[in-house]
Amino acid sequence: MDTTTCYGHSWVVLSLVLEHPFWGTISIPLSNRLYIRRDDLKKIEEYKRPEFKTKLELLNEMVAEVHPKLKALEKPVQLLFDRGYVSEDVFTKMVELGVEIVTRFKSNTNLYKLPEVPKEKRRGRPQKYGDSMKADDLMQDRRRRLTRTTVFVYGREELIEYKSAILTSHVSDGKAIRVVVSRIVKQETRSDGTVKEKIGPQGTFVSTNIHLTPEEIIESYSKRFSIEEMFKDLKEVCGLGKQHVRNLESNLACFQILAMNYAIVELWAWDKDATFLTRHRPPWDDVARRPSHKNKRMAMQTEEHWAYFSAKYAKTLTPKILNDLKKRLFDQIVAV
Protein backbone atom coordinates (compact mmCIF):
# COMPACT_ATOMS: atom_id res chain seq x y z
CA MET A 1 0.00 0.00 0.00
CA ASP A 2 1.19 3.53 -0.82
CA THR A 3 4.35 2.19 -2.41
CA THR A 4 6.01 2.02 -5.79
CA THR A 5 5.41 -1.72 -5.92
CA CYS A 6 1.91 -3.18 -6.25
CA TYR A 7 1.46 -6.64 -4.70
CA GLY A 8 -1.43 -9.07 -5.03
CA HIS A 9 -4.67 -8.65 -3.12
CA SER A 10 -6.71 -11.07 -1.07
CA TRP A 11 -10.43 -10.38 -0.93
CA VAL A 12 -13.01 -12.16 1.17
CA VAL A 13 -16.26 -11.97 -0.79
CA LEU A 14 -19.74 -12.96 0.35
CA SER A 15 -21.90 -13.83 -2.65
CA LEU A 16 -25.63 -14.28 -3.02
CA VAL A 17 -26.34 -17.57 -4.84
CA LEU A 18 -29.60 -17.43 -6.80
CA GLU A 19 -31.45 -20.02 -8.84
CA HIS A 20 -32.61 -18.58 -12.17
CA PRO A 21 -35.71 -20.32 -13.59
CA PHE A 22 -34.05 -20.88 -17.00
CA TRP A 23 -30.29 -20.39 -16.64
CA GLY A 24 -29.51 -22.30 -13.47
CA THR A 25 -27.37 -21.09 -10.57
CA ILE A 26 -26.04 -17.52 -10.65
CA SER A 27 -23.91 -15.70 -8.06
CA ILE A 28 -23.90 -11.96 -7.34
CA PRO A 29 -21.35 -10.23 -5.05
CA LEU A 30 -23.16 -9.18 -1.89
CA SER A 31 -20.41 -7.92 0.44
CA ASN A 32 -16.62 -7.90 0.50
CA ARG A 33 -13.62 -7.13 2.69
CA LEU A 34 -9.96 -6.64 1.83
CA TYR A 35 -7.77 -8.98 3.85
CA ILE A 36 -4.39 -7.49 4.79
CA ARG A 37 -1.72 -9.55 6.49
CA ARG A 38 -0.62 -8.40 9.91
CA ASP A 39 2.94 -7.82 8.65
CA ASP A 40 1.67 -5.64 5.79
CA LEU A 41 -0.42 -3.34 7.99
CA LYS A 42 2.69 -1.39 9.00
CA LYS A 43 3.10 -0.31 5.36
CA ILE A 44 -0.15 1.68 5.63
CA GLU A 45 -0.04 5.15 7.15
CA GLU A 46 -1.12 4.99 10.78
CA TYR A 47 -4.04 7.42 10.50
CA LYS A 48 -5.81 5.17 7.98
CA ARG A 49 -4.51 1.78 9.12
CA PRO A 50 -7.39 -0.68 9.65
CA GLU A 51 -7.58 -3.14 12.51
CA PHE A 52 -6.14 -6.56 11.72
CA LYS A 53 -8.75 -9.25 11.18
CA THR A 54 -8.37 -12.81 9.97
CA LYS A 55 -10.30 -14.08 6.96
CA LEU A 56 -12.56 -16.04 9.30
CA GLU A 57 -13.34 -12.90 11.30
CA LEU A 58 -14.11 -11.02 8.09
CA LEU A 59 -16.48 -13.78 6.98
CA ASN A 60 -18.32 -13.77 10.31
CA GLU A 61 -18.55 -9.97 10.19
CA MET A 62 -20.08 -9.92 6.70
CA VAL A 63 -22.62 -12.65 7.42
CA ALA A 64 -23.72 -10.91 10.63
CA GLU A 65 -24.10 -7.67 8.66
CA VAL A 66 -26.37 -9.03 5.91
CA HIS A 67 -28.18 -11.72 7.90
CA PRO A 68 -31.02 -9.48 9.23
CA LYS A 69 -31.98 -8.50 5.68
CA LEU A 70 -31.88 -12.10 4.44
CA LYS A 71 -33.81 -13.31 7.48
CA ALA A 72 -36.59 -10.85 6.63
CA LEU A 73 -37.27 -12.92 3.49
CA GLU A 74 -38.48 -15.69 5.83
CA LYS A 75 -36.44 -18.35 4.06
CA PRO A 76 -33.66 -20.58 5.43
CA VAL A 77 -30.26 -18.90 5.10
CA GLN A 78 -27.56 -21.32 3.99
CA LEU A 79 -23.83 -20.56 3.91
CA LEU A 80 -21.68 -22.45 1.39
CA PHE A 81 -17.89 -22.37 1.62
CA ASP A 82 -14.90 -24.55 0.80
CA ARG A 83 -12.47 -26.30 3.14
CA GLY A 84 -10.35 -23.19 3.63
CA TYR A 85 -12.97 -21.61 5.91
CA VAL A 86 -13.78 -24.70 7.99
CA SER A 87 -13.27 -23.52 11.55
CA GLU A 88 -14.89 -23.81 14.95
CA ASP A 89 -15.16 -19.99 15.05
CA VAL A 90 -17.26 -19.95 11.87
CA PHE A 91 -19.46 -22.86 12.97
CA THR A 92 -20.07 -21.28 16.38
CA LYS A 93 -20.99 -17.90 14.87
CA MET A 94 -23.35 -19.40 12.30
CA VAL A 95 -25.14 -21.48 14.93
CA GLU A 96 -25.55 -18.30 16.97
CA LEU A 97 -27.09 -16.52 13.97
CA GLY A 98 -29.24 -19.47 12.96
CA VAL A 99 -27.49 -19.91 9.61
CA GLU A 100 -27.17 -23.39 8.07
CA ILE A 101 -23.72 -24.46 6.90
CA VAL A 102 -22.96 -26.71 3.94
CA THR A 103 -19.28 -27.31 3.39
CA ARG A 104 -16.64 -29.93 2.71
CA PHE A 105 -14.26 -31.49 5.21
CA LYS A 106 -10.76 -32.78 4.54
CA SER A 107 -10.63 -36.56 4.29
CA ASN A 108 -8.46 -36.82 7.42
CA THR A 109 -10.72 -34.67 9.63
CA ASN A 110 -11.50 -36.33 12.95
CA LEU A 111 -15.15 -37.30 13.23
CA TYR A 112 -16.92 -38.76 16.24
CA LYS A 113 -20.02 -40.79 16.85
CA LEU A 114 -22.66 -39.16 19.01
CA PRO A 115 -22.17 -40.15 22.65
CA GLU A 116 -24.57 -42.66 24.12
CA VAL A 117 -27.10 -41.20 26.49
CA PRO A 118 -26.60 -42.84 29.93
CA LYS A 119 -29.63 -44.54 31.44
CA GLU A 120 -28.89 -43.01 34.82
CA LYS A 121 -27.54 -39.59 35.72
CA ARG A 122 -23.81 -39.51 36.44
CA ARG A 123 -21.67 -37.04 38.26
CA GLY A 124 -19.49 -34.65 36.24
CA ARG A 125 -19.85 -33.33 32.72
CA PRO A 126 -21.82 -35.38 30.22
CA GLN A 127 -19.80 -37.04 27.47
CA LYS A 128 -19.39 -34.76 24.45
CA TYR A 129 -17.86 -37.09 21.87
CA GLY A 130 -18.30 -40.76 21.10
CA ASP A 131 -15.89 -43.11 19.34
CA SER A 132 -13.44 -41.50 16.90
CA MET A 133 -13.59 -42.26 13.18
CA LYS A 134 -12.53 -40.93 9.76
CA ALA A 135 -14.43 -40.49 6.50
CA ASP A 136 -12.85 -43.70 5.17
CA ASP A 137 -14.19 -45.58 8.19
CA LEU A 138 -17.71 -44.43 7.34
CA MET A 139 -17.39 -45.54 3.71
CA GLN A 140 -15.93 -48.93 4.67
CA ASP A 141 -18.52 -49.61 7.38
CA ARG A 142 -20.42 -52.63 6.02
CA ARG A 143 -23.25 -52.08 8.46
CA ARG A 144 -24.23 -48.94 6.55
CA ARG A 145 -25.94 -49.30 3.19
CA LEU A 146 -24.18 -47.90 0.12
CA THR A 147 -26.76 -45.86 -1.79
CA ARG A 148 -26.63 -45.08 -5.49
CA THR A 149 -28.65 -42.23 -6.96
CA THR A 150 -28.58 -39.48 -9.57
CA VAL A 151 -28.01 -35.87 -8.53
CA PHE A 152 -27.83 -32.62 -10.49
CA VAL A 153 -24.38 -31.11 -9.90
CA TYR A 154 -22.28 -28.61 -11.87
CA GLY A 155 -24.96 -28.20 -14.53
CA ARG A 156 -25.51 -31.88 -15.32
CA GLU A 157 -26.82 -35.12 -13.85
CA GLU A 158 -24.27 -37.45 -12.28
CA LEU A 159 -24.55 -40.95 -10.87
CA ILE A 160 -23.11 -41.04 -7.36
CA GLU A 161 -22.80 -43.50 -4.51
CA TYR A 162 -22.67 -42.43 -0.89
CA LYS A 163 -22.93 -43.33 2.77
CA SER A 164 -24.27 -40.92 5.34
CA ALA A 165 -24.43 -40.62 9.11
CA ILE A 166 -25.18 -38.12 11.84
CA LEU A 167 -21.88 -37.53 13.62
CA THR A 168 -20.05 -34.71 15.36
CA SER A 169 -16.58 -33.13 15.41
CA HIS A 170 -14.41 -30.65 17.26
CA VAL A 171 -15.14 -28.13 14.47
CA SER A 172 -18.85 -28.22 15.31
CA ASP A 173 -18.02 -28.13 19.03
CA GLY A 174 -19.77 -31.42 19.66
CA LYS A 175 -23.03 -30.45 17.93
CA ALA A 176 -24.62 -33.00 15.60
CA ILE A 177 -23.85 -32.66 11.86
CA ARG A 178 -24.93 -34.65 8.82
CA VAL A 179 -21.84 -36.19 7.14
CA VAL A 180 -22.04 -37.54 3.58
CA VAL A 181 -19.12 -39.42 2.02
CA SER A 182 -19.76 -39.72 -1.72
CA ARG A 183 -18.03 -40.37 -5.04
CA ILE A 184 -19.05 -40.03 -8.68
CA VAL A 185 -19.58 -43.21 -10.70
CA LYS A 186 -18.81 -43.01 -14.42
CA GLN A 187 -20.38 -45.72 -16.57
CA GLU A 188 -19.16 -46.63 -20.04
CA THR A 189 -20.85 -49.16 -22.34
CA ARG A 190 -18.36 -51.40 -24.15
CA SER A 191 -18.75 -52.75 -27.68
CA ASP A 192 -19.87 -56.14 -26.32
CA GLY A 193 -22.70 -54.49 -24.38
CA THR A 194 -21.14 -54.78 -20.94
CA VAL A 195 -20.89 -51.72 -18.71
CA LYS A 196 -17.54 -50.60 -17.31
CA GLU A 197 -17.57 -48.46 -14.19
CA LYS A 198 -14.98 -45.98 -13.04
CA ILE A 199 -15.25 -44.80 -9.43
CA GLY A 200 -14.02 -41.26 -8.81
CA PRO A 201 -12.32 -39.89 -5.67
CA GLN A 202 -14.53 -39.49 -2.63
CA GLY A 203 -15.50 -36.24 -0.98
CA THR A 204 -16.74 -35.57 2.54
CA PHE A 205 -19.67 -33.14 2.67
CA VAL A 206 -21.15 -31.74 5.86
CA SER A 207 -24.26 -29.82 6.91
CA THR A 208 -25.27 -28.43 10.28
CA ASN A 209 -28.89 -29.11 9.28
CA ILE A 210 -29.17 -32.83 10.01
CA HIS A 211 -32.65 -32.92 8.41
CA LEU A 212 -31.29 -32.30 4.91
CA THR A 213 -31.02 -35.40 2.74
CA PRO A 214 -27.58 -36.43 1.43
CA GLU A 215 -28.72 -35.54 -2.09
CA GLU A 216 -29.73 -32.03 -1.00
CA ILE A 217 -26.36 -31.49 0.71
CA ILE A 218 -24.37 -32.57 -2.34
CA GLU A 219 -26.48 -30.49 -4.74
CA SER A 220 -26.27 -27.45 -2.44
CA TYR A 221 -22.48 -27.65 -2.22
CA SER A 222 -22.17 -27.95 -6.02
CA LYS A 223 -23.86 -24.53 -6.35
CA ARG A 224 -20.72 -23.00 -4.84
CA PHE A 225 -19.11 -23.45 -8.27
CA SER A 226 -21.17 -20.51 -9.54
CA ILE A 227 -19.07 -18.30 -7.23
CA GLU A 228 -15.92 -19.44 -9.08
CA GLU A 229 -17.62 -18.53 -12.37
CA MET A 230 -18.44 -15.10 -10.93
CA PHE A 231 -14.78 -14.49 -10.02
CA LYS A 232 -13.72 -15.60 -13.51
CA ASP A 233 -16.09 -13.05 -15.08
CA LEU A 234 -15.00 -10.32 -12.66
CA LYS A 235 -11.39 -10.85 -13.73
CA GLU A 236 -11.76 -11.57 -17.45
CA VAL A 237 -14.83 -9.50 -18.39
CA CYS A 238 -14.91 -6.69 -15.82
CA GLY A 239 -11.14 -6.33 -15.51
CA LEU A 240 -10.71 -7.01 -11.79
CA GLY A 241 -7.05 -6.75 -10.81
CA LYS A 242 -6.04 -4.66 -13.82
CA GLN A 243 -6.46 -1.30 -12.11
CA HIS A 244 -3.17 0.59 -11.69
CA VAL A 245 -3.73 1.94 -8.20
CA ARG A 246 -1.51 1.78 -5.13
CA ASN A 247 -3.18 3.25 -2.07
CA LEU A 248 -5.74 1.61 0.20
CA GLU A 249 -8.74 3.80 -0.66
CA SER A 250 -8.28 3.35 -4.41
CA ASN A 251 -8.08 -0.43 -4.09
CA LEU A 252 -11.25 -0.51 -2.04
CA ALA A 253 -13.07 1.82 -4.44
CA CYS A 254 -12.07 -0.17 -7.55
CA PHE A 255 -13.41 -3.41 -6.15
CA GLN A 256 -16.65 -1.81 -4.95
CA ILE A 257 -17.30 -0.23 -8.36
CA LEU A 258 -16.65 -3.49 -10.23
CA ALA A 259 -18.78 -5.52 -7.81
CA MET A 260 -21.69 -3.08 -8.13
CA ASN A 261 -21.29 -3.01 -11.91
CA TYR A 262 -21.44 -6.81 -12.03
CA ALA A 263 -24.54 -6.93 -9.83
CA ILE A 264 -26.33 -4.22 -11.82
CA VAL A 265 -25.77 -6.07 -15.11
CA GLU A 266 -27.01 -9.39 -13.68
CA LEU A 267 -30.11 -7.80 -12.16
CA TRP A 268 -30.86 -5.87 -15.38
CA ALA A 269 -30.67 -9.08 -17.42
CA TRP A 270 -32.61 -11.25 -14.96
CA ASP A 271 -35.97 -11.09 -16.73
CA LYS A 272 -34.65 -10.53 -20.26
CA ASP A 273 -35.13 -13.12 -23.01
CA ALA A 274 -32.05 -15.25 -23.78
CA THR A 275 -32.38 -14.59 -27.53
CA PHE A 276 -32.37 -10.85 -26.88
CA LEU A 277 -29.24 -11.08 -24.69
CA THR A 278 -27.29 -13.27 -27.12
CA ARG A 279 -28.06 -11.55 -30.41
CA HIS A 280 -24.39 -10.50 -30.60
CA ARG A 281 -23.32 -14.15 -30.37
CA PRO A 282 -20.94 -15.26 -33.17
CA PRO A 283 -22.26 -17.85 -35.67
CA TRP A 284 -19.98 -20.62 -34.37
CA ASP A 285 -21.16 -20.32 -30.78
CA ASP A 286 -23.36 -22.95 -29.10
CA VAL A 287 -26.94 -21.75 -29.42
CA ALA A 288 -28.00 -23.85 -26.41
CA ARG A 289 -25.52 -22.15 -24.06
CA ARG A 290 -27.03 -19.87 -21.46
CA PRO A 291 -26.20 -16.14 -21.76
CA SER A 292 -22.81 -15.34 -20.28
CA HIS A 293 -22.07 -12.26 -18.21
CA LYS A 294 -20.29 -10.84 -21.27
CA ASN A 295 -23.45 -11.34 -23.36
CA LYS A 296 -25.52 -9.52 -20.74
CA ARG A 297 -22.96 -6.74 -20.46
CA MET A 298 -22.85 -6.16 -24.23
CA ALA A 299 -26.66 -6.18 -24.46
CA MET A 300 -26.97 -3.64 -21.66
CA GLN A 301 -24.30 -1.36 -23.17
CA THR A 302 -25.97 -1.52 -26.59
CA GLU A 303 -29.41 -0.75 -25.19
CA GLU A 304 -28.14 2.16 -23.09
CA HIS A 305 -26.20 3.64 -26.02
CA TRP A 306 -29.14 3.15 -28.37
CA ALA A 307 -31.54 4.76 -25.89
CA TYR A 308 -29.27 7.82 -25.75
CA PHE A 309 -28.94 7.94 -29.56
CA SER A 310 -32.70 7.55 -30.09
CA ALA A 311 -33.55 10.26 -27.58
CA LYS A 312 -31.07 12.65 -29.19
CA TYR A 313 -32.26 12.18 -32.78
CA ALA A 314 -35.93 11.29 -32.20
CA LYS A 315 -37.07 14.71 -33.41
CA THR A 316 -35.00 14.68 -36.61
CA LEU A 317 -35.31 11.02 -37.71
CA THR A 318 -38.47 9.05 -38.38
CA PRO A 319 -39.17 5.75 -36.48
CA LYS A 320 -38.64 3.82 -39.73
CA ILE A 321 -35.16 5.30 -40.22
CA LEU A 322 -34.26 4.68 -36.55
CA ASN A 323 -35.31 1.02 -36.76
CA ASP A 324 -33.33 0.59 -39.97
CA LEU A 325 -30.22 2.12 -38.35
CA LYS A 326 -30.63 -0.12 -35.31
CA LYS A 327 -30.85 -3.26 -37.47
CA ARG A 328 -27.78 -2.28 -39.49
CA LEU A 329 -25.87 -1.51 -36.29
CA PHE A 330 -26.66 -4.94 -34.82
CA ASP A 331 -25.73 -6.69 -38.08
CA GLN A 332 -22.32 -4.98 -38.04
CA ILE A 333 -21.73 -5.94 -34.40
CA VAL A 334 -22.53 -9.61 -35.14
CA ALA A 335 -20.23 -9.62 -38.18
CA VAL A 336 -17.22 -8.34 -36.20
Foldseek 3Di string as FASTA:
>chain_A
DPDPDDDDWDKQWDWDWDQAPPAGIAIATDDMDTADDPVCQVVADPVPRDDHDDSLRVVLVVCVVCVVVVVVVVDAAEDADEQVNQALVNLVSCVVSRHKYKYFHDQAAKWFAQDDDDPDDDPDDDDLGHDIDTPVCQVPPPVFDWDWDWAQFPNRIFIKIWTKDWIGHVSNPSQTKIKIKMWTWDWDQDPVGDIDIDTGDITIMIMSPNPDDPRVSVRVNRSCVSVVLVVVCLCPPVNPPPDPDDHDVVNVVVVVVSSVVLNVLCVVCSPPDQCLLCLLPEPPDDPPRGRDSNSSVVSVVLVVVLVVVCVVCVVPDDPVVSVVVSVVVSVVSSVD
